[in-house]
Amino acid sequence: MSDFVVDIKNLSISAGSNSLVCSSDFNVRFGEIVGLFGDSGSGKSVFSLFLLGLLNRSVFKCSADRAFVFKKQKKPFFNLLNKKKSDWNDFRLRFISLVFQDPATSLNPVLTCGQQLSEVFYLLKKGNLKKNCLVVLKEVGITNPEKVFNSFPHELSGGQKQRVVIAIALASEPVLLIADEPTTSLDPSVQKEVLDLILSLKKTRNLSVVLISHNLDLINFYSDRVIVFKDRFFVENKPNKPVEHLVSLNKILNKIREKKIDTSFSLSNFNLNNSLLLKKLKLFDLKNVSLSYVKNNKKFTALKNINLKISGGDCLGVVGGSGSGKTTLGRILCGIEKNYSGDFYYNDSVFSLLSSVQMVYQDPFLTFNPKYTVGDSVNEIIKLYKTNTSDKELFKFVSLDTSLINRFPHELSGGQKQRVSIARVLASSPKIIVFDESISALDIETQFSILNLIYFINKKLNITVIFISHDINSIYYLCDKIIVLKKGLIIDSFKTKNLFSNNRKYYTKLLISDSNFKKNV
């Protein structure tokens, strides 16, 4: 008999001469949520791939005194060190499931959600596929299972897509669910809904969960136990005690704030001799700007009657939930989205819309050519815009070692890729940069490092910044002014120092509340 669904003793994982996990113990009890916390690049996802048997054993060497999975507290029925592919296929189908970070990339865009969910029940040889699908869709909180069953992924919101992914994971009735950064791409209110769902499933199904995240508050809030992955070792935190890694957070952030950025990279390197002249000069003026499109034969309003002025040197925060119109507004400002109504004025006497306004996206990996080194990607922009700088200068400026210039995108961490994205944008000598959810997928230490870099770009280089995020905490840290979007409308607008004023709209107060998890179980 065992109390554990997973019991691992003295696990080591290495790739060549690089040790990734050293002599560590890990276990999960039946009906328990174990939080696994670690910074970006710490090896959390490598460990999850080990649990799923997806590590390439010709590259990764794995050893342990024991590494068993149990079912219904009986004798061990699967050895995680097993190398037989057919055994792993059956194990992954019936006993263990994974929920990935981005539901959009987890689902096949050319198949309906019902078709994808039905595949699991078909493989398990369970009859009446549609009935089984509708039951599990309802279980994960889908209010209209029939509609979602017939919908394609792009027709659903981020939260709905993640619920569908969870439904697919639950279809096989697994004993263990691995949730690898399951809410990183979602806004705070939807994050809470998805995590509350996982907490509910833990209770109703006696489901064991490994919750992997770099979000300190989230891990502490939803987990029965917390294990910190640090310096290649698992360190278990004592129950009901603050995670030691969290205690030092303020010290970490203070160190980041004090860290000096290479100021030898001057305005002249950007060909921005007129940047100081742009300060306080009106750059954008939007009057009654609206944008609608047709979806499933229904008119959908993305933006409605937007009135907004942006001046040179501004650092404007745009905050709102999923589907509020944040990205659409950013695309209009960049000149990408043109099918709008209303008046959109930009100061063409001092800048060109398409060449002087640049965007940094949420997922940097999707913006790079995987066949180019990151240095090639930066140099391509330098040559195109004939900028008086070099890839080495830009890498130094964004605090990257110049040895990374010859690396490919997949060889860099998330934070490193995002810094290269910023370096590439700076290579075009921009006057305005739109950051669209550019730090949401990064651990908190890396987030604040990137925020510090953006702050320097805005204050020292006088580049106007529009910072789009669902995280009001990062906007409060960085921006001077804030607008709040809800269902395509600007429902609140104020200086950052007035965020906690009693005059704030109810929805703004709700965003502030949702940014902090409060345990209610």
Foldseek 3Di string as FASTA:
>chain_A
DDQWQKWFFQKWKAFVPRTLAGGATDTWGFLFEEEEAEFFPSCPVVVVCLVLVNDDCVGMPMDGPFIFGDDPPDPGDDGSVDNDPVVSVVCDLAAEFEQEQFLVVVFDQVDQLLVLLLVSCVVVVHPPSNVLQLVLLVLLPDPDSVVSNRHGPVQDFRLSSSSSRVSSRPSSVHQEYEYANHDLVFFLVSSVSNLVSVNVCSVVSSHIYYYYDLDQQVSVQRGQWYWYRDPNYTDTDDGPDRDPVVVCVVVLLVVLLPDDFPPVCALLQLVPPCLVVQAQAWFKFFAQKWDWDADPNRIATQAGGDTDIDGFLFAEEEAEGTSLNLVVVLCVQLVNDDRIDGDMDGDVVVDDSNLQEEEQEAFLVVVDDQVQQLLVLLVVLLVVQVGNDHSCVLCSRLPHDPVSRRHGPVVDIRLSSSSSSVSSSSSSSHQEYEYANHPSRGRPSSSSSVLSSVQCCSPVNRRYYYYYDNQVVSCLVRGQKYFYTGSNYGPDIDGSVCQVPPPDDPVSVVSVVSNRDDHDD
